[in-house]
């Protein structure tokens, strides 16, 4: 009985360490995107597009992770 309660307590959390890394990478990509768009007078269109697509993908993955895994 004691081992069953311990196993249930360890499997109750659905938040993994990798989830926190995904959120941190999303914040870093967002900071980079804002800096690319705002600072330089001569903009690098390829870098802005690549960062924009990466940010959109990471935001989608974060949204799926939070709604389907954390709140399930």
PDB file of N, CA and C in Angstrom:
ATOM      1  N   UNK A   1       0.821  -1.191   0.000  1.00  0.00           N
ATOM      2  CA  UNK A   1       0.000   0.000   0.000  1.00  0.00           C
ATOM      3  C   UNK A   1       0.862   1.252   0.000  1.00  0.00           C
ATOM      4  N   UNK A   2       1.929   1.234   0.776  1.00  0.00           N
ATOM      5  CA  UNK A   2       2.819   2.383   0.846  1.00  0.00           C
ATOM      6  C   UNK A   2       3.484   2.646  -0.506  1.00  0.00           C
ATOM      7  N   UNK A   3       3.911   1.589  -1.188  1.00  0.00           N
ATOM      8  CA  UNK A   3       4.565   1.757  -2.478  1.00  0.00           C
ATOM      9  C   UNK A   3       3.587   2.250  -3.543  1.00  0.00           C
ATOM     10  N   UNK A   4       2.349   1.846  -3.471  1.00  0.00           N
ATOM     11  CA  UNK A   4       1.351   2.304  -4.424  1.00  0.00           C
ATOM     12  C   UNK A   4       1.096   3.795  -4.264  1.00  0.00           C
ATOM     13  N   UNK A   5       1.051   4.279  -3.038  1.00  0.00           N
ATOM     14  CA  UNK A   5       0.854   5.706  -2.805  1.00  0.00           C
ATOM     15  C   UNK A   5       2.060   6.504  -3.276  1.00  0.00           C
ATOM     16  N   UNK A   6       3.248   5.975  -3.077  1.00  0.00           N
ATOM     17  CA  UNK A   6       4.454   6.662  -3.520  1.00  0.00           C
ATOM     18  C   UNK A   6       4.515   6.745  -5.040  1.00  0.00           C
ATOM     19  N   UNK A   7       4.137   5.685  -5.721  1.00  0.00           N
ATOM     20  CA  UNK A   7       4.140   5.682  -7.184  1.00  0.00           C
ATOM     21  C   UNK A   7       3.089   6.647  -7.731  1.00  0.00           C
ATOM     22  N   UNK A   8       1.956   6.734  -7.072  1.00  0.00           N
ATOM     23  CA  UNK A   8       0.914   7.657  -7.514  1.00  0.00           C
ATOM     24  C   UNK A   8       1.355   9.099  -7.311  1.00  0.00           C
ATOM     25  N   UNK A   9       2.074   9.355  -6.236  1.00  0.00           N
ATOM     26  CA  UNK A   9       2.526  10.719  -5.970  1.00  0.00           C
ATOM     27  C   UNK A   9       3.594  11.150  -6.965  1.00  0.00           C
ATOM     28  N   UNK A  10       4.416  10.252  -7.429  1.00  0.00           N
ATOM     29  CA  UNK A  10       5.471  10.630  -8.372  1.00  0.00           C
ATOM     30  C   UNK A  10       4.948  10.780  -9.787  1.00  0.00           C
ATOM     31  N   UNK A  11       3.845  10.165 -10.141  1.00  0.00           N
ATOM     32  CA  UNK A  11       3.305  10.283 -11.492  1.00  0.00           C
ATOM     33  C   UNK A  11       2.220  11.341 -11.596  1.00  0.00           C
ATOM     34  N   UNK A  12       1.914  12.061 -10.539  1.00  0.00           N
ATOM     35  CA  UNK A  12       0.849  13.051 -10.569  1.00  0.00           C
ATOM     36  C   UNK A  12       1.241  14.285 -11.377  1.00  0.00           C
ATOM     37  N   UNK A  13       2.486  14.678 -11.368  1.00  0.00           N
ATOM     38  CA  UNK A  13       2.932  15.864 -12.083  1.00  0.00           C
ATOM     39  C   UNK A  13       3.174  15.535 -13.550  1.00  0.00           C
ATOM     40  N   UNK A  14       2.621  16.365 -14.434  1.00  0.00           N
ATOM     41  CA  UNK A  14       2.828  16.159 -15.861  1.00  0.00           C
ATOM     42  C   UNK A  14       3.808  17.181 -16.442  1.00  0.00           C
ATOM     43  N   UNK A  15       4.400  18.013 -15.606  1.00  0.00           N
ATOM     44  CA  UNK A  15       5.346  19.022 -16.063  1.00  0.00           C
ATOM     45  C   UNK A  15       6.754  18.446 -15.968  1.00  0.00           C
ATOM     46  N   UNK A  16       7.460  18.422 -17.096  1.00  0.00           N
ATOM     47  CA  UNK A  16       8.812  17.891 -17.159  1.00  0.00           C
ATOM     48  C   UNK A  16       9.830  19.020 -17.181  1.00  0.00           C
ATOM     49  N   UNK A  17      11.085  18.676 -16.981  1.00  0.00           N
ATOM     50  CA  UNK A  17      12.163  19.662 -17.057  1.00  0.00           C
ATOM     51  C   UNK A  17      12.299  20.198 -18.471  1.00  0.00           C
ATOM     52  N   UNK A  18      12.083  19.364 -19.467  1.00  0.00           N
ATOM     53  CA  UNK A  18      12.168  19.790 -20.858  1.00  0.00           C
ATOM     54  C   UNK A  18      11.152  20.886 -21.169  1.00  0.00           C
ATOM     55  N   UNK A  19       9.990  20.862 -20.517  1.00  0.00           N
ATOM     56  CA  UNK A  19       8.974  21.896 -20.728  1.00  0.00           C
ATOM     57  C   UNK A  19       9.497  23.267 -20.337  1.00  0.00           C
ATOM     58  N   UNK A  20      10.232  23.343 -19.249  1.00  0.00           N
ATOM     59  CA  UNK A  20      10.790  24.626 -18.808  1.00  0.00           C
ATOM     60  C   UNK A  20      11.843  25.119 -19.789  1.00  0.00           C
ATOM     61  N   UNK A  21      12.632  24.200 -20.358  1.00  0.00           N
ATOM     62  CA  UNK A  21      13.607  24.592 -21.373  1.00  0.00           C
ATOM     63  C   UNK A  21      12.909  25.110 -22.623  1.00  0.00           C
ATOM     64  N   UNK A  22      11.809  24.500 -23.014  1.00  0.00           N
ATOM     65  CA  UNK A  22      11.059  24.975 -24.179  1.00  0.00           C
ATOM     66  C   UNK A  22      10.545  26.391 -23.953  1.00  0.00           C
ATOM     67  N   UNK A  23      10.023  26.663 -22.767  1.00  0.00           N
ATOM     68  CA  UNK A  23       9.543  28.007 -22.469  1.00  0.00           C
ATOM     69  C   UNK A  23      10.692  29.016 -22.452  1.00  0.00           C
ATOM     70  N   UNK A  24      11.842  28.619 -21.916  1.00  0.00           N
ATOM     71  CA  UNK A  24      13.005  29.515 -21.882  1.00  0.00           C
ATOM     72  C   UNK A  24      13.494  29.811 -23.298  1.00  0.00           C
ATOM     73  N   UNK A  25      13.545  28.803 -24.164  1.00  0.00           N
ATOM     74  CA  UNK A  25      13.968  29.024 -25.544  1.00  0.00           C
ATOM     75  C   UNK A  25      12.986  29.929 -26.282  1.00  0.00           C
ATOM     76  N   UNK A  26      11.707  29.805 -25.984  1.00  0.00           N
ATOM     77  CA  UNK A  26      10.709  30.668 -26.611  1.00  0.00           C
ATOM     78  C   UNK A  26      10.942  32.123 -26.214  1.00  0.00           C
ATOM     79  N   UNK A  27      11.238  32.359 -24.950  1.00  0.00           N
ATOM     80  CA  UNK A  27      11.505  33.726 -24.490  1.00  0.00           C
ATOM     81  C   UNK A  27      12.768  34.275 -25.157  1.00  0.00           C
ATOM     82  N   UNK A  28      13.811  33.452 -25.270  1.00  0.00           N
ATOM     83  CA  UNK A  28      15.056  33.893 -25.904  1.00  0.00           C
ATOM     84  C   UNK A  28      14.828  34.213 -27.381  1.00  0.00           C
ATOM     85  N   UNK A  29      14.056  33.396 -28.075  1.00  0.00           N
ATOM     86  CA  UNK A  29      13.756  33.652 -29.484  1.00  0.00           C
ATOM     87  C   UNK A  29      12.929  34.926 -29.627  1.00  0.00           C
ATOM     88  N   UNK A  30      11.985  35.157 -28.715  1.00  0.00           N
ATOM     89  CA  UNK A  30      11.168  36.366 -28.767  1.00  0.00           C
ATOM     90  C   UNK A  30      12.025  37.617 -28.554  1.00  0.00           C
ATOM     91  N   UNK A  31      12.963  37.562 -27.629  1.00  0.00           N
ATOM     92  CA  UNK A  31      13.868  38.699 -27.402  1.00  0.00           C
ATOM     93  C   UNK A  31      14.698  38.959 -28.653  1.00  0.00           C
ATOM     94  N   UNK A  32      15.217  37.904 -29.267  1.00  0.00           N
ATOM     95  CA  UNK A  32      15.988  38.055 -30.493  1.00  0.00           C
ATOM     96  C   UNK A  32      15.161  38.622 -31.634  1.00  0.00           C
ATOM     97  N   UNK A  33      13.909  38.204 -31.741  1.00  0.00           N
ATOM     98  CA  UNK A  33      13.035  38.710 -32.797  1.00  0.00           C
ATOM     99  C   UNK A  33      12.778  40.202 -32.627  1.00  0.00           C
ATOM    100  N   UNK A  34      12.512  40.608 -31.397  1.00  0.00           N
ATOM    101  CA  UNK A  34      12.266  42.033 -31.129  1.00  0.00           C
ATOM    102  C   UNK A  34      13.512  42.852 -31.437  1.00  0.00           C
ATOM    103  N   UNK A  35      14.675  42.346 -31.072  1.00  0.00           N
ATOM    104  CA  UNK A  35      15.915  43.073 -31.355  1.00  0.00           C
ATOM    105  C   UNK A  35      16.182  43.153 -32.853  1.00  0.00           C
ATOM    106  N   UNK A  36      15.896  42.097 -33.602  1.00  0.00           N
ATOM    107  CA  UNK A  36      16.100  42.125 -35.046  1.00  0.00           C
ATOM    108  C   UNK A  36      15.177  43.129 -35.730  1.00  0.00           C
ATOM    109  N   UNK A  37      13.953  43.199 -35.260  1.00  0.00           N
ATOM    110  CA  UNK A  37      12.978  44.074 -35.909  1.00  0.00           C
ATOM    111  C   UNK A  37      13.210  45.541 -35.547  1.00  0.00           C
ATOM    112  N   UNK A  38      13.637  45.813 -34.316  1.00  0.00           N
ATOM    113  CA  UNK A  38      13.627  47.201 -33.864  1.00  0.00           C
ATOM    114  C   UNK A  38      14.945  47.948 -34.002  1.00  0.00           C
ATOM    115  N   UNK A  39      16.083  47.335 -33.827  1.00  0.00           N
ATOM    116  CA  UNK A  39      17.304  48.094 -33.616  1.00  0.00           C
ATOM    117  C   UNK A  39      17.996  48.593 -34.883  1.00  0.00           C
ATOM    118  N   UNK A  40      18.253  47.768 -35.834  1.00  0.00           N
ATOM    119  CA  UNK A  40      19.154  48.114 -36.936  1.00  0.00           C
ATOM    120  C   UNK A  40      18.437  48.907 -38.039  1.00  0.00           C
ATOM    121  N   UNK A  41      19.132  49.906 -38.585  1.00  0.00           N
ATOM    122  CA  UNK A  41      18.521  50.630 -39.709  1.00  0.00           C
ATOM    123  C   UNK A  41      18.466  49.779 -40.981  1.00  0.00           C
ATOM    124  N   UNK A  42      19.488  48.921 -41.209  1.00  0.00           N
ATOM    125  CA  UNK A  42      19.465  48.013 -42.347  1.00  0.00           C
ATOM    126  C   UNK A  42      19.081  46.627 -41.829  1.00  0.00           C
ATOM    127  N   UNK A  43      17.889  46.196 -42.162  1.00  0.00           N
ATOM    128  CA  UNK A  43      17.337  44.958 -41.617  1.00  0.00           C
ATOM    129  C   UNK A  43      17.771  43.747 -42.433  1.00  0.00           C
ATOM    130  N   UNK A  44      18.020  42.649 -41.745  1.00  0.00           N
ATOM    131  CA  UNK A  44      18.337  41.379 -42.383  1.00  0.00           C
ATOM    132  C   UNK A  44      17.023  40.605 -42.517  1.00  0.00           C
ATOM    133  N   UNK A  45      16.465  40.611 -43.706  1.00  0.00           N
ATOM    134  CA  UNK A  45      15.138  40.036 -43.940  1.00  0.00           C
ATOM    135  C   UNK A  45      15.146  38.525 -43.720  1.00  0.00           C
ATOM    136  N   UNK A  46      16.228  37.848 -44.128  1.00  0.00           N
ATOM    137  CA  UNK A  46      16.298  36.396 -43.923  1.00  0.00           C
ATOM    138  C   UNK A  46      16.290  36.057 -42.435  1.00  0.00           C
ATOM    139  N   UNK A  47      17.058  36.792 -41.636  1.00  0.00           N
ATOM    140  CA  UNK A  47      17.108  36.531 -40.196  1.00  0.00           C
ATOM    141  C   UNK A  47      15.768  36.821 -39.533  1.00  0.00           C
ATOM    142  N   UNK A  48      15.113  37.883 -39.965  1.00  0.00           N
ATOM    143  CA  UNK A  48      13.792  38.208 -39.408  1.00  0.00           C
ATOM    144  C   UNK A  48      12.788  37.115 -39.760  1.00  0.00           C
ATOM    145  N   UNK A  49      12.807  36.630 -40.999  1.00  0.00           N
ATOM    146  CA  UNK A  49      11.883  35.572 -41.408  1.00  0.00           C
ATOM    147  C   UNK A  49      12.149  34.264 -40.690  1.00  0.00           C
ATOM    148  N   UNK A  50      13.422  33.891 -40.589  1.00  0.00           N
ATOM    149  CA  UNK A  50      13.775  32.650 -39.908  1.00  0.00           C
ATOM    150  C   UNK A  50      13.391  32.711 -38.429  1.00  0.00           C
ATOM    151  N   UNK A  51      13.665  33.832 -37.787  1.00  0.00           N
ATOM    152  CA  UNK A  51      13.316  33.988 -36.376  1.00  0.00           C
ATOM    153  C   UNK A  51      11.803  34.038 -36.194  1.00  0.00           C
ATOM    154  N   UNK A  52      11.110  34.667 -37.116  1.00  0.00           N
ATOM    155  CA  UNK A  52       9.652  34.723 -37.039  1.00  0.00           C
ATOM    156  C   UNK A  52       9.009  33.346 -37.153  1.00  0.00           C
ATOM    157  N   UNK A  53       9.514  32.546 -38.088  1.00  0.00           N
ATOM    158  CA  UNK A  53       8.989  31.181 -38.244  1.00  0.00           C
ATOM    159  C   UNK A  53       9.327  30.346 -37.012  1.00  0.00           C
ATOM    160  N   UNK A  54      10.549  30.479 -36.504  1.00  0.00           N
ATOM    161  CA  UNK A  54      10.949  29.734 -35.301  1.00  0.00           C
ATOM    162  C   UNK A  54      10.091  30.136 -34.106  1.00  0.00           C
ATOM    163  N   UNK A  55       9.859  31.439 -33.958  1.00  0.00           N
ATOM    164  CA  UNK A  55       9.034  31.910 -32.841  1.00  0.00           C
ATOM    165  C   UNK A  55       7.600  31.401 -32.962  1.00  0.00           C
ATOM    166  N   UNK A  56       7.054  31.434 -34.169  1.00  0.00           N
ATOM    167  CA  UNK A  56       5.695  30.921 -34.366  1.00  0.00           C
ATOM    168  C   UNK A  56       5.608  29.434 -34.041  1.00  0.00           C
ATOM    169  N   UNK A  57       6.607  28.669 -34.466  1.00  0.00           N
ATOM    170  CA  UNK A  57       6.617  27.237 -34.184  1.00  0.00           C
ATOM    171  C   UNK A  57       6.742  26.961 -32.690  1.00  0.00           C
ATOM    172  N   UNK A  58       7.642  27.680 -32.015  1.00  0.00           N
ATOM    173  CA  UNK A  58       7.806  27.470 -30.579  1.00  0.00           C
ATOM    174  C   UNK A  58       6.564  27.904 -29.806  1.00  0.00           C
ATOM    175  N   UNK A  59       5.917  28.984 -30.227  1.00  0.00           N
ATOM    176  CA  UNK A  59       4.675  29.395 -29.561  1.00  0.00           C
ATOM    177  C   UNK A  59       3.577  28.350 -29.749  1.00  0.00           C
ATOM    178  N   UNK A  60       3.497  27.763 -30.938  1.00  0.00           N
ATOM    179  CA  UNK A  60       2.519  26.697 -31.179  1.00  0.00           C
ATOM    180  C   UNK A  60       2.811  25.483 -30.299  1.00  0.00           C
ATOM    181  N   UNK A  61       4.080  25.093 -30.228  1.00  0.00           N
ATOM    182  CA  UNK A  61       4.454  23.946 -29.398  1.00  0.00           C
ATOM    183  C   UNK A  61       4.169  24.225 -27.923  1.00  0.00           C
ATOM    184  N   UNK A  62       4.471  25.438 -27.471  1.00  0.00           N
ATOM    185  CA  UNK A  62       4.184  25.795 -26.077  1.00  0.00           C
ATOM    186  C   UNK A  62       2.686  25.782 -25.795  1.00  0.00           C
ATOM    187  N   UNK A  63       1.903  26.282 -26.754  1.00  0.00           N
ATOM    188  CA  UNK A  63       0.457  26.292 -26.554  1.00  0.00           C
ATOM    189  C   UNK A  63      -0.078  24.861 -26.458  1.00  0.00           C
ATOM    190  N   UNK A  64       0.377  23.985 -27.344  1.00  0.00           N
ATOM    191  CA  UNK A  64      -0.042  22.584 -27.289  1.00  0.00           C
ATOM    192  C   UNK A  64       0.408  21.942 -25.984  1.00  0.00           C
ATOM    193  N   UNK A  65       1.643  22.213 -25.574  1.00  0.00           N
ATOM    194  CA  UNK A  65       2.186  21.634 -24.344  1.00  0.00           C
ATOM    195  C   UNK A  65       1.371  22.060 -23.127  1.00  0.00           C
ATOM    196  N   UNK A  66       1.012  23.326 -23.065  1.00  0.00           N
ATOM    197  CA  UNK A  66       0.287  23.821 -21.892  1.00  0.00           C
ATOM    198  C   UNK A  66      -1.165  23.333 -21.898  1.00  0.00           C
ATOM    199  N   UNK A  67      -1.835  23.418 -23.037  1.00  0.00           N
ATOM    200  CA  UNK A  67      -3.262  23.056 -23.058  1.00  0.00           C
ATOM    201  C   UNK A  67      -3.504  21.560 -23.029  1.00  0.00           C
ATOM    202  N   UNK A  68      -2.675  20.794 -23.710  1.00  0.00           N
ATOM    203  CA  UNK A  68      -2.941  19.356 -23.824  1.00  0.00           C
ATOM    204  C   UNK A  68      -2.277  18.529 -22.730  1.00  0.00           C
ATOM    205  N   UNK A  69      -1.137  18.984 -22.202  1.00  0.00           N
ATOM    206  CA  UNK A  69      -0.408  18.181 -21.240  1.00  0.00           C
ATOM    207  C   UNK A  69      -0.564  18.719 -19.827  1.00  0.00           C
ATOM    208  N   UNK A  70      -0.307  20.001 -19.633  1.00  0.00           N
ATOM    209  CA  UNK A  70      -0.345  20.549 -18.274  1.00  0.00           C
ATOM    210  C   UNK A  70      -1.770  20.620 -17.738  1.00  0.00           C
ATOM    211  N   UNK A  71      -2.708  21.038 -18.578  1.00  0.00           N
ATOM    212  CA  UNK A  71      -4.083  21.247 -18.121  1.00  0.00           C
ATOM    213  C   UNK A  71      -4.972  20.020 -18.330  1.00  0.00           C
ATOM    214  N   UNK A  72      -4.406  18.932 -18.784  1.00  0.00           N
ATOM    215  CA  UNK A  72      -5.197  17.725 -19.037  1.00  0.00           C
ATOM    216  C   UNK A  72      -5.504  16.990 -17.749  1.00  0.00           C
TER     217      UNK A  72
END
